[in-house]
């Protein structure tokens, strides 16, 4: 739970421009993440990650890779499905625009608690 809250707070924080540079082609990004390239394509199809494109080639930034790591954490360790991850990330992005980190943390806690209650 603490890791998830840290992720939400970190994403809402200021990052360096270098984190946004799209430098990794899909095969390299998949290799760095320990995933199959098809998984990255599925995440893109589901609207979970939007890599840059140059010459019809997907290019992933460090921020994209961190987002994929967070998606994996939410699905594999927290038990959310991809639709749930998408909703959570949409809420986070809306709250980020409003600058409300506390609300995001509250939503995350409630979501996780609901998943644990039989």
PDB file of N, CA and C in Angstrom:
ATOM      1  N   UNK A   1       0.823  -1.196   0.000  1.00  0.00           N
ATOM      2  CA  UNK A   1       0.000   0.000   0.000  1.00  0.00           C
ATOM      3  C   UNK A   1       0.864   1.256   0.000  1.00  0.00           C
ATOM      4  N   UNK A   2       1.875   1.256   0.862  1.00  0.00           N
ATOM      5  CA  UNK A   2       2.760   2.416   0.951  1.00  0.00           C
ATOM      6  C   UNK A   2       3.449   2.675  -0.380  1.00  0.00           C
ATOM      7  N   UNK A   3       3.843   1.610  -1.063  1.00  0.00           N
ATOM      8  CA  UNK A   3       4.499   1.760  -2.364  1.00  0.00           C
ATOM      9  C   UNK A   3       3.561   2.427  -3.374  1.00  0.00           C
ATOM     10  N   UNK A   4       2.305   2.042  -3.349  1.00  0.00           N
ATOM     11  CA  UNK A   4       1.323   2.618  -4.259  1.00  0.00           C
ATOM     12  C   UNK A   4       1.129   4.102  -3.975  1.00  0.00           C
ATOM     13  N   UNK A   5       1.028   4.448  -2.698  1.00  0.00           N
ATOM     14  CA  UNK A   5       0.863   5.858  -2.335  1.00  0.00           C
ATOM     15  C   UNK A   5       2.095   6.649  -2.756  1.00  0.00           C
ATOM     16  N   UNK A   6       3.273   6.080  -2.549  1.00  0.00           N
ATOM     17  CA  UNK A   6       4.505   6.757  -2.983  1.00  0.00           C
ATOM     18  C   UNK A   6       4.491   6.985  -4.487  1.00  0.00           C
ATOM     19  N   UNK A   7       4.037   5.973  -5.232  1.00  0.00           N
ATOM     20  CA  UNK A   7       3.949   6.125  -6.688  1.00  0.00           C
ATOM     21  C   UNK A   7       3.040   7.292  -7.054  1.00  0.00           C
ATOM     22  N   UNK A   8       1.880   7.345  -6.443  1.00  0.00           N
ATOM     23  CA  UNK A   8       0.923   8.404  -6.756  1.00  0.00           C
ATOM     24  C   UNK A   8       1.519   9.764  -6.433  1.00  0.00           C
ATOM     25  N   UNK A   9       2.167   9.878  -5.284  1.00  0.00           N
ATOM     26  CA  UNK A   9       2.766  11.154  -4.900  1.00  0.00           C
ATOM     27  C   UNK A   9       3.944  11.506  -5.791  1.00  0.00           C
ATOM     28  N   UNK A  10       4.727  10.504  -6.167  1.00  0.00           N
ATOM     29  CA  UNK A  10       5.879  10.768  -7.023  1.00  0.00           C
ATOM     30  C   UNK A  10       5.445  11.247  -8.407  1.00  0.00           C
ATOM     31  N   UNK A  11       4.429  10.604  -8.952  1.00  0.00           N
ATOM     32  CA  UNK A  11       3.958  10.996 -10.278  1.00  0.00           C
ATOM     33  C   UNK A  11       3.423  12.427 -10.254  1.00  0.00           C
ATOM     34  N   UNK A  12       2.814  12.813  -9.149  1.00  0.00           N
ATOM     35  CA  UNK A  12       2.281  14.174  -9.033  1.00  0.00           C
ATOM     36  C   UNK A  12       3.387  15.207  -8.840  1.00  0.00           C
ATOM     37  N   UNK A  13       4.585  14.760  -8.475  1.00  0.00           N
ATOM     38  CA  UNK A  13       5.701  15.681  -8.253  1.00  0.00           C
ATOM     39  C   UNK A  13       6.355  16.122  -9.548  1.00  0.00           C
ATOM     40  N   UNK A  14       7.315  17.000  -9.393  1.00  0.00           N
ATOM     41  CA  UNK A  14       8.040  17.527 -10.551  1.00  0.00           C
ATOM     42  C   UNK A  14       9.141  16.552 -10.930  1.00  0.00           C
ATOM     43  N   UNK A  15       9.271  16.311 -12.198  1.00  0.00           N
ATOM     44  CA  UNK A  15      10.314  15.416 -12.695  1.00  0.00           C
ATOM     45  C   UNK A  15      11.193  16.168 -13.665  1.00  0.00           C
ATOM     46  N   UNK A  16      12.349  15.600 -13.911  1.00  0.00           N
ATOM     47  CA  UNK A  16      13.261  16.257 -14.845  1.00  0.00           C
ATOM     48  C   UNK A  16      12.785  16.047 -16.277  1.00  0.00           C
ATOM     49  N   UNK A  17      13.216  16.916 -17.144  1.00  0.00           N
ATOM     50  CA  UNK A  17      12.836  16.796 -18.557  1.00  0.00           C
ATOM     51  C   UNK A  17      13.411  15.529 -19.172  1.00  0.00           C
ATOM     52  N   UNK A  18      14.532  15.090 -18.664  1.00  0.00           N
ATOM     53  CA  UNK A  18      15.172  13.892 -19.196  1.00  0.00           C
ATOM     54  C   UNK A  18      14.252  12.678 -19.082  1.00  0.00           C
ATOM     55  N   UNK A  19      13.445  12.642 -18.041  1.00  0.00           N
ATOM     56  CA  UNK A  19      12.509  11.527 -17.858  1.00  0.00           C
ATOM     57  C   UNK A  19      11.465  11.455 -18.966  1.00  0.00           C
ATOM     58  N   UNK A  20      11.248  12.560 -19.635  1.00  0.00           N
ATOM     59  CA  UNK A  20      10.227  12.621 -20.681  1.00  0.00           C
ATOM     60  C   UNK A  20      10.765  12.361 -22.082  1.00  0.00           C
ATOM     61  N   UNK A  21      12.071  12.211 -22.224  1.00  0.00           N
ATOM     62  CA  UNK A  21      12.653  12.002 -23.554  1.00  0.00           C
ATOM     63  C   UNK A  21      12.345  10.595 -24.057  1.00  0.00           C
ATOM     64  N   UNK A  22      11.668  10.475 -25.190  1.00  0.00           N
ATOM     65  CA  UNK A  22      11.363   9.149 -25.736  1.00  0.00           C
ATOM     66  C   UNK A  22      12.590   8.569 -26.447  1.00  0.00           C
ATOM     67  N   UNK A  23      13.222   7.593 -25.823  1.00  0.00           N
ATOM     68  CA  UNK A  23      14.475   7.067 -26.372  1.00  0.00           C
ATOM     69  C   UNK A  23      14.482   5.559 -26.611  1.00  0.00           C
ATOM     70  N   UNK A  24      13.575   4.813 -25.982  1.00  0.00           N
ATOM     71  CA  UNK A  24      13.619   3.352 -26.075  1.00  0.00           C
ATOM     72  C   UNK A  24      12.606   2.826 -27.089  1.00  0.00           C
ATOM     73  N   UNK A  25      13.081   2.074 -28.074  1.00  0.00           N
ATOM     74  CA  UNK A  25      12.154   1.391 -28.981  1.00  0.00           C
ATOM     75  C   UNK A  25      11.462   0.285 -28.194  1.00  0.00           C
ATOM     76  N   UNK A  26      10.381  -0.237 -28.724  1.00  0.00           N
ATOM     77  CA  UNK A  26       9.550  -1.169 -27.967  1.00  0.00           C
ATOM     78  C   UNK A  26      10.316  -2.418 -27.521  1.00  0.00           C
ATOM     79  N   UNK A  27      11.203  -2.933 -28.359  1.00  0.00           N
ATOM     80  CA  UNK A  27      11.937  -4.147 -27.973  1.00  0.00           C
ATOM     81  C   UNK A  27      12.871  -3.876 -26.797  1.00  0.00           C
ATOM     82  N   UNK A  28      13.514  -2.725 -26.782  1.00  0.00           N
ATOM     83  CA  UNK A  28      14.416  -2.369 -25.677  1.00  0.00           C
ATOM     84  C   UNK A  28      13.603  -2.094 -24.415  1.00  0.00           C
ATOM     85  N   UNK A  29      12.507  -1.358 -24.563  1.00  0.00           N
ATOM     86  CA  UNK A  29      11.650  -1.068 -23.411  1.00  0.00           C
ATOM     87  C   UNK A  29      11.129  -2.366 -22.796  1.00  0.00           C
ATOM     88  N   UNK A  30      10.660  -3.274 -23.635  1.00  0.00           N
ATOM     89  CA  UNK A  30      10.147  -4.555 -23.143  1.00  0.00           C
ATOM     90  C   UNK A  30      11.238  -5.334 -22.427  1.00  0.00           C
ATOM     91  N   UNK A  31      12.424  -5.325 -22.982  1.00  0.00           N
ATOM     92  CA  UNK A  31      13.552  -6.022 -22.371  1.00  0.00           C
ATOM     93  C   UNK A  31      13.892  -5.425 -21.006  1.00  0.00           C
ATOM     94  N   UNK A  32      13.934  -4.106 -20.919  1.00  0.00           N
ATOM     95  CA  UNK A  32      14.232  -3.435 -19.653  1.00  0.00           C
ATOM     96  C   UNK A  32      13.182  -3.743 -18.584  1.00  0.00           C
ATOM     97  N   UNK A  33      11.953  -3.927 -19.020  1.00  0.00           N
ATOM     98  CA  UNK A  33      10.848  -4.180 -18.098  1.00  0.00           C
ATOM     99  C   UNK A  33      10.606  -5.662 -17.829  1.00  0.00           C
ATOM    100  N   UNK A  34      11.253  -6.525 -18.613  1.00  0.00           N
ATOM    101  CA  UNK A  34      11.028  -7.957 -18.459  1.00  0.00           C
ATOM    102  C   UNK A  34       9.661  -8.387 -18.969  1.00  0.00           C
ATOM    103  N   UNK A  35       9.187  -7.716 -20.005  1.00  0.00           N
ATOM    104  CA  UNK A  35       7.876  -8.000 -20.589  1.00  0.00           C
ATOM    105  C   UNK A  35       8.018  -8.378 -22.052  1.00  0.00           C
ATOM    106  N   UNK A  36       6.969  -8.943 -22.590  1.00  0.00           N
ATOM    107  CA  UNK A  36       6.905  -9.185 -24.025  1.00  0.00           C
ATOM    108  C   UNK A  36       6.438  -7.887 -24.684  1.00  0.00           C
ATOM    109  N   UNK A  37       6.965  -7.540 -25.856  1.00  0.00           N
ATOM    110  CA  UNK A  37       6.511  -6.317 -26.537  1.00  0.00           C
ATOM    111  C   UNK A  37       4.992  -6.263 -26.724  1.00  0.00           C
ATOM    112  N   UNK A  38       4.360  -7.418 -26.895  1.00  0.00           N
ATOM    113  CA  UNK A  38       2.898  -7.442 -27.059  1.00  0.00           C
ATOM    114  C   UNK A  38       2.200  -6.866 -25.824  1.00  0.00           C
ATOM    115  N   UNK A  39       2.759  -7.096 -24.654  1.00  0.00           N
ATOM    116  CA  UNK A  39       2.172  -6.549 -23.426  1.00  0.00           C
ATOM    117  C   UNK A  39       2.149  -5.028 -23.478  1.00  0.00           C
ATOM    118  N   UNK A  40       3.239  -4.436 -23.957  1.00  0.00           N
ATOM    119  CA  UNK A  40       3.285  -2.975 -24.082  1.00  0.00           C
ATOM    120  C   UNK A  40       2.251  -2.485 -25.092  1.00  0.00           C
ATOM    121  N   UNK A  41       2.080  -3.237 -26.160  1.00  0.00           N
ATOM    122  CA  UNK A  41       1.066  -2.857 -27.156  1.00  0.00           C
ATOM    123  C   UNK A  41      -0.343  -2.930 -26.559  1.00  0.00           C
ATOM    124  N   UNK A  42      -0.594  -3.952 -25.755  1.00  0.00           N
ATOM    125  CA  UNK A  42      -1.899  -4.087 -25.096  1.00  0.00           C
ATOM    126  C   UNK A  42      -2.132  -2.912 -24.155  1.00  0.00           C
ATOM    127  N   UNK A  43      -1.123  -2.558 -23.367  1.00  0.00           N
ATOM    128  CA  UNK A  43      -1.256  -1.411 -22.464  1.00  0.00           C
ATOM    129  C   UNK A  43      -1.573  -0.141 -23.250  1.00  0.00           C
ATOM    130  N   UNK A  44      -0.958  -0.009 -24.411  1.00  0.00           N
ATOM    131  CA  UNK A  44      -1.242   1.160 -25.246  1.00  0.00           C
ATOM    132  C   UNK A  44      -2.677   1.095 -25.787  1.00  0.00           C
ATOM    133  N   UNK A  45      -3.103  -0.078 -26.250  1.00  0.00           N
ATOM    134  CA  UNK A  45      -4.466  -0.244 -26.766  1.00  0.00           C
ATOM    135  C   UNK A  45      -5.510   0.078 -25.700  1.00  0.00           C
ATOM    136  N   UNK A  46      -5.200  -0.256 -24.459  1.00  0.00           N
ATOM    137  CA  UNK A  46      -6.120  -0.011 -23.341  1.00  0.00           C
ATOM    138  C   UNK A  46      -6.049   1.428 -22.837  1.00  0.00           C
ATOM    139  N   UNK A  47      -5.147   2.223 -23.406  1.00  0.00           N
ATOM    140  CA  UNK A  47      -5.026   3.622 -23.003  1.00  0.00           C
ATOM    141  C   UNK A  47      -4.241   3.844 -21.728  1.00  0.00           C
ATOM    142  N   UNK A  48      -3.442   2.866 -21.329  1.00  0.00           N
ATOM    143  CA  UNK A  48      -2.683   2.976 -20.084  1.00  0.00           C
ATOM    144  C   UNK A  48      -1.349   3.684 -20.249  1.00  0.00           C
ATOM    145  N   UNK A  49      -0.807   3.611 -21.438  1.00  0.00           N
ATOM    146  CA  UNK A  49       0.471   4.277 -21.717  1.00  0.00           C
ATOM    147  C   UNK A  49       0.428   4.774 -23.160  1.00  0.00           C
ATOM    148  N   UNK A  50       0.986   5.942 -23.385  1.00  0.00           N
ATOM    149  CA  UNK A  50       0.997   6.512 -24.732  1.00  0.00           C
ATOM    150  C   UNK A  50       2.430   6.878 -25.111  1.00  0.00           C
ATOM    151  N   UNK A  51       3.169   5.928 -25.660  1.00  0.00           N
ATOM    152  CA  UNK A  51       4.543   6.243 -26.061  1.00  0.00           C
ATOM    153  C   UNK A  51       4.547   7.220 -27.232  1.00  0.00           C
ATOM    154  N   UNK A  52       5.625   7.960 -27.335  1.00  0.00           N
ATOM    155  CA  UNK A  52       5.778   8.858 -28.483  1.00  0.00           C
ATOM    156  C   UNK A  52       5.967   8.000 -29.729  1.00  0.00           C
ATOM    157  N   UNK A  53       5.760   8.604 -30.873  1.00  0.00           N
ATOM    158  CA  UNK A  53       5.988   7.894 -32.136  1.00  0.00           C
ATOM    159  C   UNK A  53       6.842   8.758 -33.037  1.00  0.00           C
ATOM    160  N   UNK A  54       7.794   8.103 -33.650  1.00  0.00           N
ATOM    161  CA  UNK A  54       8.648   8.770 -34.622  1.00  0.00           C
ATOM    162  C   UNK A  54       8.899   7.782 -35.745  1.00  0.00           C
ATOM    163  N   UNK A  55       8.593   8.186 -36.968  1.00  0.00           N
ATOM    164  CA  UNK A  55       8.742   7.302 -38.132  1.00  0.00           C
ATOM    165  C   UNK A  55       8.018   5.971 -37.923  1.00  0.00           C
ATOM    166  N   UNK A  56       6.786   6.039 -37.447  1.00  0.00           N
ATOM    167  CA  UNK A  56       5.942   4.851 -37.221  1.00  0.00           C
ATOM    168  C   UNK A  56       6.536   3.886 -36.201  1.00  0.00           C
ATOM    169  N   UNK A  57       7.369   4.382 -35.322  1.00  0.00           N
ATOM    170  CA  UNK A  57       8.009   3.536 -34.316  1.00  0.00           C
ATOM    171  C   UNK A  57       7.680   4.071 -32.922  1.00  0.00           C
ATOM    172  N   UNK A  58       7.257   3.173 -32.025  1.00  0.00           N
ATOM    173  CA  UNK A  58       6.980   3.578 -30.651  1.00  0.00           C
ATOM    174  C   UNK A  58       8.301   3.872 -29.947  1.00  0.00           C
ATOM    175  N   UNK A  59       8.321   4.978 -29.210  1.00  0.00           N
ATOM    176  CA  UNK A  59       9.498   5.328 -28.416  1.00  0.00           C
ATOM    177  C   UNK A  59       9.045   5.621 -26.986  1.00  0.00           C
ATOM    178  N   UNK A  60       9.646   4.902 -26.045  1.00  0.00           N
ATOM    179  CA  UNK A  60       9.265   5.009 -24.638  1.00  0.00           C
ATOM    180  C   UNK A  60      10.276   5.854 -23.873  1.00  0.00           C
ATOM    181  N   UNK A  61       9.760   6.660 -22.960  1.00  0.00           N
ATOM    182  CA  UNK A  61      10.602   7.481 -22.090  1.00  0.00           C
ATOM    183  C   UNK A  61      10.761   6.781 -20.737  1.00  0.00           C
ATOM    184  N   UNK A  62      11.615   7.331 -19.893  1.00  0.00           N
ATOM    185  CA  UNK A  62      11.759   6.804 -18.529  1.00  0.00           C
ATOM    186  C   UNK A  62      10.427   6.907 -17.790  1.00  0.00           C
ATOM    187  N   UNK A  63       9.712   7.997 -18.015  1.00  0.00           N
ATOM    188  CA  UNK A  63       8.409   8.161 -17.366  1.00  0.00           C
ATOM    189  C   UNK A  63       7.442   7.067 -17.835  1.00  0.00           C
ATOM    190  N   UNK A  64       7.462   6.733 -19.129  1.00  0.00           N
ATOM    191  CA  UNK A  64       6.622   5.644 -19.642  1.00  0.00           C
ATOM    192  C   UNK A  64       6.984   4.324 -18.971  1.00  0.00           C
ATOM    193  N   UNK A  65       8.286   4.063 -18.831  1.00  0.00           N
ATOM    194  CA  UNK A  65       8.723   2.818 -18.198  1.00  0.00           C
ATOM    195  C   UNK A  65       8.264   2.759 -16.746  1.00  0.00           C
ATOM    196  N   UNK A  66       8.356   3.871 -16.045  1.00  0.00           N
ATOM    197  CA  UNK A  66       7.903   3.905 -14.653  1.00  0.00           C
ATOM    198  C   UNK A  66       6.396   3.677 -14.571  1.00  0.00           C
ATOM    199  N   UNK A  67       5.686   4.213 -15.506  1.00  0.00           N
ATOM    200  CA  UNK A  67       4.231   4.009 -15.541  1.00  0.00           C
ATOM    201  C   UNK A  67       3.904   2.530 -15.758  1.00  0.00           C
ATOM    202  N   UNK A  68       4.634   1.876 -16.655  1.00  0.00           N
ATOM    203  CA  UNK A  68       4.418   0.444 -16.899  1.00  0.00           C
ATOM    204  C   UNK A  68       4.763  -0.356 -15.645  1.00  0.00           C
ATOM    205  N   UNK A  69       5.831   0.014 -14.961  1.00  0.00           N
ATOM    206  CA  UNK A  69       6.170  -0.671 -13.703  1.00  0.00           C
ATOM    207  C   UNK A  69       5.026  -0.535 -12.698  1.00  0.00           C
ATOM    208  N   UNK A  70       4.442   0.640 -12.648  1.00  0.00           N
ATOM    209  CA  UNK A  70       3.318   0.866 -11.737  1.00  0.00           C
ATOM    210  C   UNK A  70       2.106   0.034 -12.146  1.00  0.00           C
ATOM    211  N   UNK A  71       1.857  -0.072 -13.435  1.00  0.00           N
ATOM    212  CA  UNK A  71       0.753  -0.896 -13.932  1.00  0.00           C
ATOM    213  C   UNK A  71       0.968  -2.344 -13.504  1.00  0.00           C
ATOM    214  N   UNK A  72       2.174  -2.830 -13.668  1.00  0.00           N
ATOM    215  CA  UNK A  72       2.477  -4.210 -13.260  1.00  0.00           C
ATOM    216  C   UNK A  72       2.281  -4.394 -11.765  1.00  0.00           C
ATOM    217  N   UNK A  73       2.717  -3.420 -10.978  1.00  0.00           N
ATOM    218  CA  UNK A  73       2.540  -3.505  -9.529  1.00  0.00           C
ATOM    219  C   UNK A  73       1.050  -3.573  -9.176  1.00  0.00           C
ATOM    220  N   UNK A  74       0.267  -2.710  -9.791  1.00  0.00           N
ATOM    221  CA  UNK A  74      -1.165  -2.672  -9.496  1.00  0.00           C
ATOM    222  C   UNK A  74      -1.872  -3.952  -9.923  1.00  0.00           C
ATOM    223  N   UNK A  75      -1.462  -4.534 -11.038  1.00  0.00           N
ATOM    224  CA  UNK A  75      -2.127  -5.754 -11.512  1.00  0.00           C
ATOM    225  C   UNK A  75      -1.615  -6.994 -10.795  1.00  0.00           C
ATOM    226  N   UNK A  76      -0.319  -7.126 -10.667  1.00  0.00           N
ATOM    227  CA  UNK A  76       0.248  -8.359 -10.125  1.00  0.00           C
ATOM    228  C   UNK A  76       0.264  -8.400  -8.602  1.00  0.00           C
ATOM    229  N   UNK A  77       0.552  -7.280  -7.966  1.00  0.00           N
ATOM    230  CA  UNK A  77       0.675  -7.289  -6.509  1.00  0.00           C
ATOM    231  C   UNK A  77      -0.584  -6.804  -5.796  1.00  0.00           C
ATOM    232  N   UNK A  78      -1.336  -5.919  -6.431  1.00  0.00           N
ATOM    233  CA  UNK A  78      -2.527  -5.372  -5.791  1.00  0.00           C
ATOM    234  C   UNK A  78      -3.811  -6.033  -6.287  1.00  0.00           C
ATOM    235  N   UNK A  79      -3.716  -6.793  -7.379  1.00  0.00           N
ATOM    236  CA  UNK A  79      -4.860  -7.552  -7.856  1.00  0.00           C
ATOM    237  C   UNK A  79      -5.873  -6.791  -8.698  1.00  0.00           C
ATOM    238  N   UNK A  80      -5.520  -5.604  -9.166  1.00  0.00           N
ATOM    239  CA  UNK A  80      -6.447  -4.857 -10.022  1.00  0.00           C
ATOM    240  C   UNK A  80      -6.384  -5.387 -11.450  1.00  0.00           C
ATOM    241  N   UNK A  81      -7.502  -5.307 -12.154  1.00  0.00           N
ATOM    242  CA  UNK A  81      -7.468  -5.633 -13.577  1.00  0.00           C
ATOM    243  C   UNK A  81      -7.115  -4.361 -14.349  1.00  0.00           C
ATOM    244  N   UNK A  82      -6.910  -4.483 -15.658  1.00  0.00           N
ATOM    245  CA  UNK A  82      -6.474  -3.326 -16.444  1.00  0.00           C
ATOM    246  C   UNK A  82      -7.516  -2.212 -16.461  1.00  0.00           C
ATOM    247  N   UNK A  83      -8.785  -2.575 -16.439  1.00  0.00           N
ATOM    248  CA  UNK A  83      -9.829  -1.545 -16.388  1.00  0.00           C
ATOM    249  C   UNK A  83      -9.737  -0.764 -15.078  1.00  0.00           C
ATOM    250  N   UNK A  84      -9.494  -1.470 -13.989  1.00  0.00           N
ATOM    251  CA  UNK A  84      -9.337  -0.808 -12.693  1.00  0.00           C
ATOM    252  C   UNK A  84      -8.119   0.092 -12.655  1.00  0.00           C
ATOM    253  N   UNK A  85      -7.039  -0.373 -13.258  1.00  0.00           N
ATOM    254  CA  UNK A  85      -5.824   0.442 -13.334  1.00  0.00           C
ATOM    255  C   UNK A  85      -6.108   1.710 -14.126  1.00  0.00           C
ATOM    256  N   UNK A  86      -6.814   1.564 -15.226  1.00  0.00           N
ATOM    257  CA  UNK A  86      -7.121   2.737 -16.054  1.00  0.00           C
ATOM    258  C   UNK A  86      -7.953   3.760 -15.282  1.00  0.00           C
ATOM    259  N   UNK A  87      -8.958   3.288 -14.568  1.00  0.00           N
ATOM    260  CA  UNK A  87      -9.795   4.191 -13.772  1.00  0.00           C
ATOM    261  C   UNK A  87      -8.949   4.892 -12.714  1.00  0.00           C
ATOM    262  N   UNK A  88      -8.119   4.130 -12.030  1.00  0.00           N
ATOM    263  CA  UNK A  88      -7.263   4.704 -10.988  1.00  0.00           C
ATOM    264  C   UNK A  88      -6.326   5.760 -11.567  1.00  0.00           C
ATOM    265  N   UNK A  89      -5.749   5.481 -12.712  1.00  0.00           N
ATOM    266  CA  UNK A  89      -4.832   6.440 -13.328  1.00  0.00           C
ATOM    267  C   UNK A  89      -5.575   7.673 -13.843  1.00  0.00           C
ATOM    268  N   UNK A  90      -6.791   7.483 -14.339  1.00  0.00           N
ATOM    269  CA  UNK A  90      -7.587   8.639 -14.770  1.00  0.00           C
ATOM    270  C   UNK A  90      -7.917   9.531 -13.583  1.00  0.00           C
ATOM    271  N   UNK A  91      -8.282   8.920 -12.470  1.00  0.00           N
ATOM    272  CA  UNK A  91      -8.558   9.696 -11.257  1.00  0.00           C
ATOM    273  C   UNK A  91      -7.306  10.451 -10.840  1.00  0.00           C
ATOM    274  N   UNK A  92      -6.187   9.760 -10.873  1.00  0.00           N
ATOM    275  CA  UNK A  92      -4.925  10.402 -10.493  1.00  0.00           C
ATOM    276  C   UNK A  92      -4.626  11.606 -11.378  1.00  0.00           C
ATOM    277  N   UNK A  93      -4.796  11.443 -12.676  1.00  0.00           N
ATOM    278  CA  UNK A  93      -4.504  12.541 -13.601  1.00  0.00           C
ATOM    279  C   UNK A  93      -5.435  13.727 -13.373  1.00  0.00           C
ATOM    280  N   UNK A  94      -6.701  13.452 -13.097  1.00  0.00           N
ATOM    281  CA  UNK A  94      -7.637  14.547 -12.806  1.00  0.00           C
ATOM    282  C   UNK A  94      -7.244  15.267 -11.521  1.00  0.00           C
ATOM    283  N   UNK A  95      -6.905  14.493 -10.511  1.00  0.00           N
ATOM    284  CA  UNK A  95      -6.526  15.088  -9.238  1.00  0.00           C
ATOM    285  C   UNK A  95      -5.202  15.835  -9.351  1.00  0.00           C
ATOM    286  N   UNK A  96      -4.318  15.318 -10.191  1.00  0.00           N
ATOM    287  CA  UNK A  96      -3.033  15.984 -10.399  1.00  0.00           C
ATOM    288  C   UNK A  96      -3.258  17.373 -10.985  1.00  0.00           C
ATOM    289  N   UNK A  97      -4.190  17.474 -11.902  1.00  0.00           N
ATOM    290  CA  UNK A  97      -4.511  18.770 -12.487  1.00  0.00           C
ATOM    291  C   UNK A  97      -5.056  19.724 -11.434  1.00  0.00           C
ATOM    292  N   UNK A  98      -5.758  19.177 -10.479  1.00  0.00           N
ATOM    293  CA  UNK A  98      -6.311  20.004  -9.401  1.00  0.00           C
ATOM    294  C   UNK A  98      -5.321  20.170  -8.254  1.00  0.00           C
ATOM    295  N   UNK A  99      -4.238  19.413  -8.287  1.00  0.00           N
ATOM    296  CA  UNK A  99      -3.228  19.530  -7.239  1.00  0.00           C
ATOM    297  C   UNK A  99      -3.626  18.892  -5.925  1.00  0.00           C
ATOM    298  N   UNK A 100      -4.489  17.890  -5.958  1.00  0.00           N
ATOM    299  CA  UNK A 100      -4.966  17.278  -4.725  1.00  0.00           C
ATOM    300  C   UNK A 100      -4.410  15.872  -4.568  1.00  0.00           C
ATOM    301  N   UNK A 101      -3.279  15.762  -3.907  1.00  0.00           N
ATOM    302  CA  UNK A 101      -2.652  14.458  -3.691  1.00  0.00           C
ATOM    303  C   UNK A 101      -3.400  13.651  -2.630  1.00  0.00           C
ATOM    304  N   UNK A 102      -3.979  14.326  -1.642  1.00  0.00           N
ATOM    305  CA  UNK A 102      -4.674  13.628  -0.568  1.00  0.00           C
ATOM    306  C   UNK A 102      -5.877  12.849  -1.088  1.00  0.00           C
ATOM    307  N   UNK A 103      -6.603  13.413  -2.004  1.00  0.00           N
ATOM    308  CA  UNK A 103      -7.775  12.734  -2.557  1.00  0.00           C
ATOM    309  C   UNK A 103      -7.349  11.482  -3.302  1.00  0.00           C
ATOM    310  N   UNK A 104      -6.263  11.561  -4.045  1.00  0.00           N
ATOM    311  CA  UNK A 104      -5.765  10.401  -4.784  1.00  0.00           C
ATOM    312  C   UNK A 104      -5.402   9.290  -3.806  1.00  0.00           C
ATOM    313  N   UNK A 105      -4.689   9.627  -2.758  1.00  0.00           N
ATOM    314  CA  UNK A 105      -4.306   8.626  -1.759  1.00  0.00           C
ATOM    315  C   UNK A 105      -5.543   7.986  -1.138  1.00  0.00           C
ATOM    316  N   UNK A 106      -6.549   8.785  -0.863  1.00  0.00           N
ATOM    317  CA  UNK A 106      -7.781   8.278  -0.278  1.00  0.00           C
ATOM    318  C   UNK A 106      -8.461   7.295  -1.223  1.00  0.00           C
ATOM    319  N   UNK A 107      -8.546   7.631  -2.492  1.00  0.00           N
ATOM    320  CA  UNK A 107      -9.172   6.752  -3.482  1.00  0.00           C
ATOM    321  C   UNK A 107      -8.398   5.444  -3.585  1.00  0.00           C
ATOM    322  N   UNK A 108      -7.076   5.528  -3.608  1.00  0.00           N
ATOM    323  CA  UNK A 108      -6.243   4.330  -3.681  1.00  0.00           C
ATOM    324  C   UNK A 108      -6.498   3.448  -2.470  1.00  0.00           C
ATOM    325  N   UNK A 109      -6.504   4.023  -1.280  1.00  0.00           N
ATOM    326  CA  UNK A 109      -6.742   3.244  -0.061  1.00  0.00           C
ATOM    327  C   UNK A 109      -8.098   2.553  -0.102  1.00  0.00           C
ATOM    328  N   UNK A 110      -9.132   3.280  -0.482  1.00  0.00           N
ATOM    329  CA  UNK A 110     -10.475   2.692  -0.552  1.00  0.00           C
ATOM    330  C   UNK A 110     -10.539   1.561  -1.560  1.00  0.00           C
ATOM    331  N   UNK A 111      -9.902   1.754  -2.704  1.00  0.00           N
ATOM    332  CA  UNK A 111      -9.907   0.732  -3.746  1.00  0.00           C
ATOM    333  C   UNK A 111      -9.239  -0.535  -3.243  1.00  0.00           C
ATOM    334  N   UNK A 112      -8.090  -0.384  -2.618  1.00  0.00           N
ATOM    335  CA  UNK A 112      -7.354  -1.542  -2.112  1.00  0.00           C
ATOM    336  C   UNK A 112      -8.141  -2.221  -1.004  1.00  0.00           C
ATOM    337  N   UNK A 113      -8.746  -1.455  -0.104  1.00  0.00           N
ATOM    338  CA  UNK A 113      -9.533  -2.035   0.980  1.00  0.00           C
ATOM    339  C   UNK A 113     -10.709  -2.838   0.442  1.00  0.00           C
ATOM    340  N   UNK A 114     -11.376  -2.311  -0.563  1.00  0.00           N
ATOM    341  CA  UNK A 114     -12.515  -3.025  -1.153  1.00  0.00           C
ATOM    342  C   UNK A 114     -12.091  -4.342  -1.775  1.00  0.00           C
ATOM    343  N   UNK A 115     -10.911  -4.365  -2.369  1.00  0.00           N
ATOM    344  CA  UNK A 115     -10.412  -5.588  -3.006  1.00  0.00           C
ATOM    345  C   UNK A 115     -10.140  -6.663  -1.960  1.00  0.00           C
ATOM    346  N   UNK A 116      -9.792  -6.264  -0.750  1.00  0.00           N
ATOM    347  CA  UNK A 116      -9.424  -7.226   0.294  1.00  0.00           C
ATOM    348  C   UNK A 116     -10.621  -7.753   1.063  1.00  0.00           C
ATOM    349  N   UNK A 117     -11.720  -7.018   1.072  1.00  0.00           N
ATOM    350  CA  UNK A 117     -12.903  -7.442   1.817  1.00  0.00           C
ATOM    351  C   UNK A 117     -13.619  -8.529   1.029  1.00  0.00           C
ATOM    352  N   UNK A 118     -13.857  -9.706   1.676  1.00  0.00           N
ATOM    353  CA  UNK A 118     -14.510 -10.814   0.953  1.00  0.00           C
ATOM    354  C   UNK A 118     -15.972 -10.559   0.696  1.00  0.00           C
TER     355      UNK A 118
END
